[in-house]
Amino acid sequence: MPIVCKHPRPLRAAFALIAALAAAGVLAGCDRAAGGEAGDGSAPKRRYGAIAFEPCTLASPFASGTIAAQCARFKVPENHAEPKGKTIELNLAWLPPTDNAAVDDDPVFFLAGGPGQAAVASWPAVDAAFRDVRKRRSIVLIDQRGTGKSSPLTCADAVPDDAGERDEAAIMADSLAAVRRCAQNLKVDARRFTTTDAVADLDAVRAAIGAAKIDLVGVSYGTRVAQQYAGRYPQHTRAVVLDGVVPNELVLGTEHARNLDAALAQQFKLCQQTPACRSRFGAAPREQLRQLMARLQADPVEVDYRDPSTGEPGRERVTAGHVAMLTRMFSYQPEAASLLPLVLSEADQGRYAPLLALSKMIGGQLSEEINYGMQLSVTCAEDADLFVADPADKDTVLGAAMTDALTAQCKVWPTGARPKNFHEPLRSDVPVLLLSGELDPVTPPRYGDQVLKHLPNGRHLILRGQGHSTLRIGCAPKLLGQFLESADAKKLDARCLDALGYVPPFVSFNGWEP
């Protein structure tokens, strides 16, 4: 199959996208952002139902300009089974319709990924995907409990930033000790920070703003939240969009290693099908990756590099762990994945500085992006006890390190409970639009097909050549707007997606051609 690039982008755009990659140790689905700066209090408050909002500004280092919004704090019970007990505050943002004459009957709730990302902070990087939606609909953003400014569970020390300096056993031991310290210093009951608790929060906000029905747009882990809400509150759910679909039945984390290797096989095949790439890097980039990791596993290499954040020179050991993390994170988006053969080839020839610098950049962003304690509260309660070792993970890039670490950490983290039917598929007549990237390394298209089986009013669109999270790609924003207007996925004319193609692999740091 020939390689086609309908929308070529320069190298600097690829690096800008890499800088904005968002992914957690488990899932993720938006870009790193900062936002929610409140006004000075001089502007009058604006009410949405029973909640009083005040002007604020959302901004992001990875999105141009700022977004005017309305922000508020909203109290909910820490334990919804004890409505008169201890409370926590949720951080909210509301974006009213840009068309002042619009009749805003069913607002759109955006659900961020992770687990561990904050919706308010993530919004600026996805705002453009909602350009049509925002004309006639309010957008409601809730920092899920444990994220952003909603009683965040950070546990930053649990994600080491010096993986190159120590062996794997020492890293695991220190990470476990950090999780234990974090658990001991908690000011909230981390057992109450699960998806089920977040769903109850979401409905409390819905009721408070006076919306009889709402639309849900979930990305990556947010698709789990959306399905759980639609299953529990079908009477309040008008329509659902699932981008990067996580089936309810899935045990998060157990298939990551095999999914990544399957996506890499597809991505590396593009190199073999491109004459310039095949000539430059050979016919077996996956074998090159395997050999590179084996050498570094046996003998890490001291490397001089320039810190991508500060520009300062540094020296550190590059390890197999750096290669695995970089390979996984690059695979999320095709612009970044197109650099993999080049970066791996450079490292294979002893030029490790680019690999180490990019690995440090992404690793630093992950520690800032994800509220790791919240991720533990979700994973430990909902998935960890269902982990089963699979021999097929042995020869993968990631191996079993992720699930092994989570298993150990969940033994010292306060663990809540999941409902008995938590992992049952969503069976519903609600209109659902499902979106998948063909090359997604974490939520592959087969997950969307699996969920669609139980949704008679659903439709699954697979975007050719795309990776994880596709709302902003091509004509997807237009389709998103049309679906949320009509609540009829089957009548969408999705032929505009046929224009999408593949990003050719880079054969040098100057671009796609020699």
Protein backbone atom coordinates (compact mmCIF):
# COMPACT_ATOMS: atom_id res chain seq x y z
CA MET A 1 0.00 0.00 0.00
CA PRO A 2 1.53 3.36 -0.96
CA ILE A 3 2.22 5.93 1.71
CA VAL A 4 0.12 9.08 1.30
CA CYS A 5 0.39 12.27 3.33
CA LYS A 6 -2.54 14.57 2.66
CA HIS A 7 -1.46 17.18 5.20
CA PRO A 8 2.37 17.30 5.49
CA ARG A 9 3.76 19.17 8.50
CA PRO A 10 7.31 20.46 9.09
CA LEU A 11 9.62 18.93 11.65
CA ARG A 12 9.09 21.79 14.10
CA ALA A 13 5.35 20.98 14.13
CA ALA A 14 6.15 17.36 14.95
CA PHE A 15 8.30 18.45 17.88
CA ALA A 16 5.61 20.86 19.07
CA LEU A 17 3.15 18.00 19.04
CA ILE A 18 5.61 15.77 20.89
CA ALA A 19 5.96 18.45 23.53
CA ALA A 20 2.19 18.40 23.94
CA LEU A 21 1.76 14.63 24.03
CA ALA A 22 -0.41 13.57 26.91
CA ALA A 23 -0.36 10.09 28.26
CA ALA A 24 -0.39 8.47 31.62
CA GLY A 25 1.15 5.30 32.93
CA VAL A 26 -2.20 3.76 32.02
CA LEU A 27 -4.24 5.94 29.62
CA ALA A 28 -4.56 9.49 28.52
CA GLY A 29 -6.27 11.59 25.98
CA CYS A 30 -5.59 15.32 25.95
CA ASP A 31 -2.70 17.72 25.97
CA ARG A 32 -0.95 19.30 28.89
CA ALA A 33 -2.45 22.66 29.75
CA ALA A 34 -2.74 25.24 32.47
CA GLY A 35 -5.88 27.18 33.16
CA GLY A 36 -8.59 28.38 35.45
CA GLU A 37 -7.13 31.71 36.53
CA ALA A 38 -9.93 33.53 38.29
CA GLY A 39 -10.91 37.13 37.70
CA ASP A 40 -10.31 39.93 40.20
CA GLY A 41 -13.79 39.66 41.67
CA SER A 42 -14.99 42.96 40.25
CA ALA A 43 -17.10 41.38 37.49
CA PRO A 44 -20.60 40.26 38.45
CA LYS A 45 -21.20 36.58 39.05
CA ARG A 46 -23.28 34.64 36.57
CA ARG A 47 -25.55 31.80 37.57
CA TYR A 48 -26.03 28.51 35.82
CA GLY A 49 -28.90 26.89 37.64
CA ALA A 50 -28.05 26.94 41.32
CA ILE A 51 -24.29 27.47 40.83
CA ALA A 52 -22.76 30.96 40.87
CA PHE A 53 -19.83 31.35 38.46
CA GLU A 54 -17.37 34.19 38.04
CA PRO A 55 -15.24 35.16 35.02
CA CYS A 56 -11.95 33.34 34.55
CA THR A 57 -9.45 32.63 31.80
CA LEU A 58 -8.25 29.26 30.52
CA ALA A 59 -4.80 29.18 28.90
CA SER A 60 -2.26 26.60 27.78
CA PRO A 61 1.41 26.64 26.72
CA PHE A 62 0.38 24.36 23.86
CA ALA A 63 -2.58 26.35 22.55
CA SER A 64 -2.53 29.87 21.17
CA GLY A 65 -4.51 32.60 22.87
CA THR A 66 -6.74 32.36 25.91
CA ILE A 67 -10.32 31.23 26.44
CA ALA A 68 -12.84 33.25 28.40
CA ALA A 69 -14.85 31.09 30.77
CA GLN A 70 -16.86 31.09 33.96
CA CYS A 71 -15.40 29.26 36.99
CA ALA A 72 -16.85 28.01 40.26
CA ARG A 73 -16.34 25.73 43.22
CA PHE A 74 -18.99 23.11 44.03
CA LYS A 75 -19.23 21.04 47.19
CA VAL A 76 -20.08 17.33 47.08
CA PRO A 77 -19.98 14.63 49.77
CA GLU A 78 -16.64 12.85 49.95
CA ASN A 79 -18.71 9.71 50.43
CA HIS A 80 -22.01 9.94 48.55
CA ALA A 81 -23.45 7.29 50.86
CA GLU A 82 -23.09 9.84 53.67
CA PRO A 83 -24.59 13.03 52.20
CA LYS A 84 -24.29 14.92 55.50
CA GLY A 85 -20.72 13.88 56.12
CA LYS A 86 -17.39 15.38 55.07
CA THR A 87 -17.38 17.33 51.80
CA ILE A 88 -14.83 18.09 49.11
CA GLU A 89 -14.86 20.89 46.53
CA LEU A 90 -14.91 20.31 42.80
CA ASN A 91 -13.33 22.81 40.42
CA LEU A 92 -15.73 23.72 37.59
CA ALA A 93 -15.56 25.76 34.41
CA TRP A 94 -18.48 26.69 32.19
CA LEU A 95 -18.27 27.96 28.62
CA PRO A 96 -21.66 29.41 27.55
CA PRO A 97 -22.72 29.16 23.87
CA THR A 98 -20.93 31.63 21.62
CA ASP A 99 -24.24 32.30 19.87
CA ASN A 100 -26.06 34.38 22.46
CA ALA A 101 -29.41 33.54 20.85
CA ALA A 102 -28.90 29.78 21.16
CA VAL A 103 -31.35 27.71 23.20
CA ASP A 104 -29.07 25.72 25.48
CA ASP A 105 -31.13 22.76 26.64
CA ASP A 106 -28.55 19.98 26.95
CA PRO A 107 -25.00 21.00 27.89
CA VAL A 108 -21.92 19.03 26.90
CA PHE A 109 -19.75 17.58 29.66
CA PHE A 110 -16.13 16.97 28.58
CA LEU A 111 -14.43 14.05 30.38
CA ALA A 112 -10.63 14.02 30.38
CA GLY A 113 -8.28 11.06 30.15
CA GLY A 114 -5.65 9.53 32.36
CA PRO A 115 -6.81 8.38 34.82
CA GLY A 116 -5.44 11.51 36.44
CA GLN A 117 -5.90 14.40 34.01
CA ALA A 118 -7.93 17.47 34.86
CA ALA A 119 -10.67 18.58 32.47
CA VAL A 120 -10.31 22.30 33.14
CA ALA A 121 -6.55 22.33 32.54
CA SER A 122 -6.85 20.04 29.51
CA TRP A 123 -9.54 22.06 27.75
CA PRO A 124 -7.53 24.75 25.88
CA ALA A 125 -5.74 22.13 23.78
CA VAL A 126 -9.02 20.56 22.60
CA ASP A 127 -11.17 23.68 22.37
CA ALA A 128 -10.75 23.92 18.59
CA ALA A 129 -12.37 20.50 18.15
CA PHE A 130 -15.56 21.94 19.67
CA ARG A 131 -15.76 25.05 17.50
CA ASP A 132 -19.12 24.02 16.02
CA VAL A 133 -20.45 22.53 19.25
CA ARG A 134 -19.79 25.71 21.21
CA LYS A 135 -22.02 27.82 18.96
CA ARG A 136 -25.19 26.29 20.40
CA ARG A 137 -24.14 24.31 23.48
CA SER A 138 -22.71 25.09 26.87
CA ILE A 139 -19.55 23.19 27.77
CA VAL A 140 -19.20 22.06 31.39
CA LEU A 141 -15.79 21.04 32.70
CA ILE A 142 -15.32 19.26 36.01
CA ASP A 143 -11.89 18.51 37.40
CA GLN A 144 -12.61 14.93 38.42
CA ARG A 145 -12.05 14.45 42.15
CA GLY A 146 -8.35 13.84 42.71
CA THR A 147 -7.26 15.95 39.71
CA GLY A 148 -6.53 19.61 38.96
CA LYS A 149 -8.02 21.77 41.69
CA SER A 150 -10.47 19.15 42.99
CA SER A 151 -8.60 17.77 46.03
CA PRO A 152 -5.68 16.64 43.82
CA LEU A 153 -3.92 13.39 44.66
CA THR A 154 -0.53 14.10 43.12
CA CYS A 155 2.03 11.72 44.70
CA ALA A 156 4.66 13.24 42.41
CA ASP A 157 7.58 11.35 43.98
CA ALA A 158 5.99 8.06 42.95
CA VAL A 159 6.98 8.78 39.33
CA PRO A 160 10.81 8.90 39.35
CA ASP A 161 12.52 11.45 37.09
CA ASP A 162 15.99 9.96 37.34
CA ALA A 163 15.37 6.50 35.89
CA GLY A 164 18.71 6.51 34.14
CA GLU A 165 20.72 6.77 37.34
CA ARG A 166 19.66 3.56 39.08
CA ASP A 167 18.76 -0.02 38.33
CA GLU A 168 15.17 -1.17 37.91
CA ALA A 169 14.91 -2.80 41.34
CA ALA A 170 16.00 0.42 43.08
CA ILE A 171 13.54 2.48 41.05
CA MET A 172 10.69 0.11 41.92
CA ALA A 173 11.61 0.15 45.62
CA ASP A 174 11.80 3.94 45.78
CA SER A 175 8.54 4.34 43.87
CA LEU A 176 6.78 1.96 46.25
CA ALA A 177 8.18 3.85 49.25
CA ALA A 178 6.93 7.12 47.76
CA VAL A 179 3.43 5.70 47.30
CA ARG A 180 3.44 4.48 50.89
CA ARG A 181 4.46 7.95 52.14
CA CYS A 182 1.80 9.58 50.01
CA ALA A 183 -0.85 7.23 51.40
CA GLN A 184 0.22 8.02 54.96
CA ASN A 185 -0.03 11.78 54.38
CA LEU A 186 -3.45 11.85 52.73
CA LYS A 187 -5.92 14.52 53.88
CA VAL A 188 -8.86 12.79 52.18
CA ASP A 189 -10.19 9.26 51.94
CA ALA A 190 -8.56 8.02 48.74
CA ARG A 191 -10.94 5.04 48.68
CA ARG A 192 -13.64 7.53 47.57
CA PHE A 193 -11.80 8.72 44.46
CA THR A 194 -12.98 6.09 41.99
CA THR A 195 -14.84 6.32 38.69
CA THR A 196 -18.08 5.49 40.50
CA ASP A 197 -17.60 8.42 42.88
CA ALA A 198 -16.81 10.70 39.94
CA VAL A 199 -20.00 9.62 38.17
CA ALA A 200 -22.02 10.58 41.24
CA ASP A 201 -20.24 13.97 41.27
CA LEU A 202 -21.07 14.48 37.62
CA ASP A 203 -24.75 13.90 38.20
CA ALA A 204 -24.74 16.19 41.21
CA VAL A 205 -23.42 19.00 39.00
CA ARG A 206 -25.99 18.16 36.32
CA ALA A 207 -28.79 18.46 38.85
CA ALA A 208 -27.40 21.69 40.28
CA ILE A 209 -27.29 23.45 36.90
CA GLY A 210 -30.83 22.26 36.20
CA ALA A 211 -30.15 20.16 33.09
CA ALA A 212 -32.65 17.34 32.55
CA LYS A 213 -30.30 15.66 30.06
CA ILE A 214 -26.66 16.11 29.13
CA ASP A 215 -24.30 15.12 26.34
CA LEU A 216 -21.04 13.38 27.27
CA VAL A 217 -17.76 13.57 25.35
CA GLY A 218 -15.15 11.27 26.83
CA VAL A 219 -11.56 10.85 25.69
CA SER A 220 -9.56 7.70 26.53
CA TYR A 221 -10.15 6.98 30.25
CA GLY A 222 -12.94 9.55 29.99
CA THR A 223 -14.80 7.04 27.81
CA ARG A 224 -14.98 4.73 30.84
CA VAL A 225 -16.52 7.54 32.87
CA ALA A 226 -19.01 8.31 30.09
CA GLN A 227 -20.14 4.68 29.78
CA GLN A 228 -20.48 4.31 33.53
CA TYR A 229 -22.59 7.48 33.69
CA ALA A 230 -24.81 6.45 30.77
CA GLY A 231 -25.36 3.07 32.38
CA ARG A 232 -26.22 4.48 35.78
CA TYR A 233 -28.21 7.53 34.65
CA PRO A 234 -29.74 6.67 31.27
CA GLN A 235 -32.67 9.03 31.94
CA HIS A 236 -30.25 11.96 32.03
CA THR A 237 -28.10 10.98 29.04
CA ARG A 238 -29.00 12.44 25.64
CA ALA A 239 -25.97 11.46 23.51
CA VAL A 240 -22.42 10.18 24.02
CA VAL A 241 -19.13 10.56 22.13
CA LEU A 242 -16.34 8.08 22.90
CA ASP A 243 -12.91 9.00 21.52
CA GLY A 244 -10.25 6.33 22.10
CA VAL A 245 -12.69 3.75 23.45
CA VAL A 246 -12.15 1.82 26.70
CA PRO A 247 -14.63 -1.07 26.98
CA ASN A 248 -16.20 -1.51 30.40
CA GLU A 249 -15.03 -5.12 30.30
CA LEU A 250 -11.38 -4.12 29.92
CA VAL A 251 -9.00 -4.50 32.84
CA LEU A 252 -6.92 -1.36 32.39
CA GLY A 253 -3.24 -2.09 31.96
CA THR A 254 -3.36 -5.78 31.12
CA GLU A 255 -3.17 -5.32 27.34
CA HIS A 256 -0.99 -2.23 27.06
CA ALA A 257 2.19 -4.12 26.20
CA ARG A 258 0.62 -6.19 23.42
CA ASN A 259 -1.37 -3.25 22.06
CA LEU A 260 1.80 -1.17 21.78
CA ASP A 261 3.68 -3.88 19.92
CA ALA A 262 0.78 -4.35 17.51
CA ALA A 263 0.70 -0.61 16.80
CA LEU A 264 4.49 -0.53 16.35
CA ALA A 265 4.23 -3.34 13.82
CA GLN A 266 1.80 -1.23 11.79
CA GLN A 267 3.87 1.93 12.14
CA PHE A 268 7.15 0.23 11.23
CA LYS A 269 5.45 -1.35 8.23
CA LEU A 270 4.99 2.17 6.87
CA CYS A 271 8.76 2.54 6.86
CA GLN A 272 9.19 -0.69 4.94
CA GLN A 273 6.65 0.51 2.37
CA THR A 274 8.42 3.85 1.87
CA PRO A 275 11.48 3.45 -0.40
CA ALA A 276 13.48 6.27 1.22
CA CYS A 277 12.81 4.94 4.74
CA ARG A 278 13.54 1.33 3.84
CA SER A 279 16.79 2.37 2.13
CA ARG A 280 17.86 4.50 5.11
CA PHE A 281 16.91 2.21 8.00
CA GLY A 282 16.58 -1.28 6.56
CA ALA A 283 13.68 -3.69 6.65
CA ALA A 284 13.54 -4.57 10.36
CA PRO A 285 13.21 -1.54 12.66
CA ARG A 286 11.42 -3.69 15.27
CA GLU A 287 14.41 -6.04 15.47
CA GLN A 288 16.69 -3.02 15.73
CA LEU A 289 14.59 -1.79 18.65
CA ARG A 290 14.77 -5.19 20.34
CA GLN A 291 18.55 -5.37 20.03
CA LEU A 292 19.01 -1.80 21.21
CA MET A 293 16.97 -2.45 24.36
CA ALA A 294 18.82 -5.70 25.04
CA ARG A 295 22.21 -3.95 24.84
CA LEU A 296 21.14 -1.13 27.13
CA GLN A 297 19.53 -3.55 29.55
CA ALA A 298 22.86 -5.31 29.89
CA ASP A 299 25.03 -2.20 29.82
CA PRO A 300 23.55 1.33 30.14
CA VAL A 301 25.59 4.04 28.44
CA GLU A 302 26.78 7.38 29.85
CA VAL A 303 25.61 10.13 27.51
CA ASP A 304 26.21 13.87 27.25
CA TYR A 305 23.04 15.69 26.24
CA ARG A 306 21.33 19.06 26.45
CA ASP A 307 18.33 19.32 28.76
CA PRO A 308 15.31 20.13 26.56
CA SER A 309 13.64 22.20 29.29
CA THR A 310 16.57 24.35 30.44
CA GLY A 311 19.05 24.10 27.57
CA GLU A 312 21.74 23.22 30.09
CA PRO A 313 24.24 20.44 29.30
CA GLY A 314 23.88 17.25 31.30
CA ARG A 315 25.27 13.76 31.59
CA GLU A 316 23.25 10.67 32.41
CA ARG A 317 23.00 6.98 31.74
CA VAL A 318 20.62 6.03 28.97
CA THR A 319 18.81 2.76 29.71
CA ALA A 320 16.37 0.34 28.12
CA GLY A 321 13.69 2.07 30.20
CA HIS A 322 14.31 5.35 28.39
CA VAL A 323 13.88 3.59 25.05
CA ALA A 324 10.67 1.83 26.12
CA MET A 325 9.07 5.00 27.48
CA LEU A 326 10.01 7.08 24.46
CA THR A 327 8.79 4.41 22.06
CA ARG A 328 5.46 4.18 23.81
CA MET A 329 4.88 7.93 24.04
CA PHE A 330 5.92 8.61 20.44
CA SER A 331 3.52 5.98 19.19
CA TYR A 332 0.47 7.92 20.45
CA GLN A 333 0.47 10.36 17.53
CA PRO A 334 1.57 9.73 13.91
CA GLU A 335 3.68 12.91 13.71
CA ALA A 336 5.75 11.69 16.64
CA ALA A 337 5.74 8.03 15.54
CA SER A 338 7.19 9.11 12.19
CA LEU A 339 10.39 10.06 14.08
CA LEU A 340 10.84 6.66 15.74
CA PRO A 341 12.87 4.90 13.01
CA LEU A 342 15.26 7.87 12.86
CA VAL A 343 15.73 8.29 16.62
CA LEU A 344 16.19 4.54 17.12
CA SER A 345 18.66 4.34 14.23
CA GLU A 346 20.69 7.20 15.70
CA ALA A 347 20.80 5.42 19.07
CA ASP A 348 21.69 2.12 17.43
CA GLN A 349 24.74 3.84 15.95
CA GLY A 350 25.81 5.18 19.33
CA ARG A 351 24.29 8.65 19.03
CA TYR A 352 22.04 8.55 22.10
CA ALA A 353 21.69 12.27 22.87
CA PRO A 354 18.48 12.88 20.87
CA LEU A 355 16.78 9.85 22.42
CA LEU A 356 17.78 10.80 25.96
CA ALA A 357 16.80 14.46 25.57
CA LEU A 358 13.36 13.62 24.16
CA SER A 359 12.83 10.93 26.80
CA LYS A 360 13.63 13.40 29.58
CA MET A 361 11.28 15.98 28.08
CA ILE A 362 8.31 13.63 27.90
CA GLY A 363 9.03 12.04 31.28
CA GLY A 364 9.03 15.45 32.95
CA GLN A 365 5.72 16.37 31.36
CA LEU A 366 4.11 13.12 32.49
CA SER A 367 4.98 13.76 36.12
CA GLU A 368 3.32 17.18 35.88
CA GLU A 369 0.38 16.01 33.78
CA ILE A 370 -0.97 13.15 35.83
CA ASN A 371 -2.29 13.12 39.38
CA TYR A 372 -0.77 9.75 40.16
CA GLY A 373 -2.60 9.19 43.44
CA MET A 374 -5.94 9.57 41.68
CA GLN A 375 -4.74 7.08 39.08
CA LEU A 376 -3.98 4.63 41.86
CA SER A 377 -7.39 5.16 43.47
CA VAL A 378 -9.06 4.27 40.18
CA THR A 379 -6.79 1.41 39.13
CA CYS A 380 -6.48 -0.25 42.53
CA ALA A 381 -10.25 -0.32 43.10
CA GLU A 382 -11.36 -1.20 39.57
CA ASP A 383 -8.66 -3.28 37.91
CA ALA A 384 -5.60 -4.32 39.90
CA ASP A 385 -7.12 -7.38 41.58
CA LEU A 386 -7.99 -8.69 38.10
CA PHE A 387 -4.44 -8.52 36.72
CA VAL A 388 -3.32 -11.85 35.28
CA ALA A 389 0.21 -12.39 33.98
CA ASP A 390 0.36 -13.15 30.28
CA PRO A 391 3.42 -14.92 28.83
CA ALA A 392 2.85 -12.99 25.58
CA ASP A 393 4.07 -9.82 27.34
CA LYS A 394 7.58 -11.21 27.85
CA ASP A 395 9.08 -10.15 24.51
CA THR A 396 7.21 -6.86 24.18
CA VAL A 397 8.71 -3.39 24.55
CA LEU A 398 6.92 -2.73 27.84
CA GLY A 399 6.93 -6.23 29.28
CA ALA A 400 5.13 -6.71 32.59
CA ALA A 401 6.82 -3.86 34.47
CA MET A 402 3.72 -1.66 34.54
CA THR A 403 1.34 -4.21 36.00
CA ASP A 404 4.00 -5.50 38.39
CA ALA A 405 4.53 -1.99 39.77
CA LEU A 406 0.81 -1.29 40.08
CA THR A 407 0.21 -4.60 41.84
CA ALA A 408 2.82 -3.75 44.45
CA GLN A 409 1.65 -0.15 44.88
CA CYS A 410 -1.99 -1.10 45.27
CA LYS A 411 -1.05 -3.21 48.30
CA VAL A 412 -0.11 -0.04 50.19
CA TRP A 413 -2.66 2.37 48.71
CA PRO A 414 -6.13 2.84 50.29
CA THR A 415 -8.35 0.82 47.98
CA GLY A 416 -12.05 1.37 47.45
CA ALA A 417 -14.63 -0.96 45.93
CA ARG A 418 -16.29 -1.20 42.54
CA PRO A 419 -19.95 -2.07 41.93
CA LYS A 420 -20.59 -5.73 41.07
CA ASN A 421 -21.66 -4.88 37.54
CA PHE A 422 -18.84 -2.39 36.93
CA HIS A 423 -17.17 -4.45 34.20
CA GLU A 424 -20.35 -5.36 32.34
CA PRO A 425 -20.69 -3.82 28.87
CA LEU A 426 -22.87 -0.77 28.36
CA ARG A 427 -26.14 -1.92 26.80
CA SER A 428 -28.11 1.13 25.77
CA ASP A 429 -30.30 2.71 23.10
CA VAL A 430 -28.61 6.08 23.65
CA PRO A 431 -27.08 7.59 20.48
CA VAL A 432 -23.31 7.04 20.58
CA LEU A 433 -20.54 8.15 18.22
CA LEU A 434 -17.35 6.13 18.65
CA LEU A 435 -14.00 7.33 17.25
CA SER A 436 -10.76 5.35 16.92
CA GLY A 437 -7.37 5.94 15.36
CA GLU A 438 -6.22 3.12 13.09
CA LEU A 439 -2.73 3.14 14.68
CA ASP A 440 -3.77 3.77 18.29
CA PRO A 441 -1.30 1.94 20.60
CA VAL A 442 -3.46 1.98 23.74
CA THR A 443 -7.14 1.87 22.69
CA PRO A 444 -7.07 0.10 19.31
CA PRO A 445 -10.09 0.10 16.97
CA ARG A 446 -11.15 -3.36 18.06
CA TYR A 447 -12.16 -1.85 21.41
CA GLY A 448 -14.62 0.43 19.65
CA ASP A 449 -16.01 -2.52 17.71
CA GLN A 450 -16.45 -4.40 20.98
CA VAL A 451 -18.43 -1.59 22.62
CA LEU A 452 -20.53 -0.98 19.49
CA LYS A 453 -22.00 -4.52 19.65
CA HIS A 454 -24.31 -3.45 22.48
CA LEU A 455 -25.28 -0.01 21.11
CA PRO A 456 -27.99 -0.26 18.44
CA ASN A 457 -27.91 3.51 17.92
CA GLY A 458 -24.14 3.68 17.80
CA ARG A 459 -21.67 4.17 14.97
CA HIS A 460 -17.93 3.57 14.96
CA LEU A 461 -15.62 5.69 12.78
CA ILE A 462 -11.99 4.60 12.36
CA LEU A 463 -9.64 7.36 11.21
CA ARG A 464 -7.01 6.10 8.80
CA GLY A 465 -3.40 6.64 9.77
CA GLN A 466 -4.28 8.27 13.12
CA GLY A 467 -3.26 7.48 16.68
CA HIS A 468 -4.75 8.07 20.12
CA SER A 469 -7.49 10.73 20.45
CA THR A 470 -8.87 11.92 17.13
CA LEU A 471 -11.41 14.66 17.94
CA ARG A 472 -9.24 17.37 16.40
CA ILE A 473 -8.25 15.48 13.24
CA GLY A 474 -9.48 16.48 9.78
CA CYS A 475 -13.24 16.92 9.63
CA ALA A 476 -13.85 15.22 13.00
CA PRO A 477 -14.79 18.56 14.64
CA LYS A 478 -17.48 19.08 11.99
CA LEU A 479 -18.84 15.57 12.54
CA LEU A 480 -18.76 16.10 16.30
CA GLY A 481 -20.87 19.24 15.93
CA GLN A 482 -23.35 17.56 13.60
CA PHE A 483 -23.76 14.56 15.88
CA LEU A 484 -24.34 16.59 19.03
CA GLU A 485 -26.89 18.65 17.13
CA SER A 486 -28.83 15.73 15.65
CA ALA A 487 -28.06 12.91 18.12
CA ASP A 488 -28.05 10.55 15.12
CA ALA A 489 -24.67 9.00 14.37
CA LYS A 490 -25.91 6.82 11.55
CA LYS A 491 -26.98 9.77 9.39
CA LEU A 492 -23.57 11.45 9.49
CA ASP A 493 -21.86 11.82 6.13
CA ALA A 494 -18.35 10.76 7.17
CA ARG A 495 -16.86 10.59 3.66
CA CYS A 496 -14.77 13.65 4.52
CA LEU A 497 -12.58 11.36 6.64
CA ASP A 498 -11.45 9.59 3.46
CA ALA A 499 -9.04 12.47 2.87
CA LEU A 500 -6.92 11.39 5.84
CA GLY A 501 -3.65 9.65 5.00
CA TYR A 502 -0.41 8.50 6.59
CA VAL A 503 2.49 10.54 7.90
CA PRO A 504 5.67 9.32 6.15
CA PRO A 505 8.57 8.31 8.41
CA PHE A 506 11.35 10.87 8.81
CA VAL A 507 14.59 9.76 7.14
CA SER A 508 16.63 12.66 8.59
CA PHE A 509 16.08 15.48 11.05
CA ASN A 510 15.45 17.72 8.05
CA GLY A 511 12.24 15.97 7.08
CA TRP A 512 10.69 13.08 5.20
CA GLU A 513 12.96 13.01 2.17
CA PRO A 514 16.74 12.47 2.03
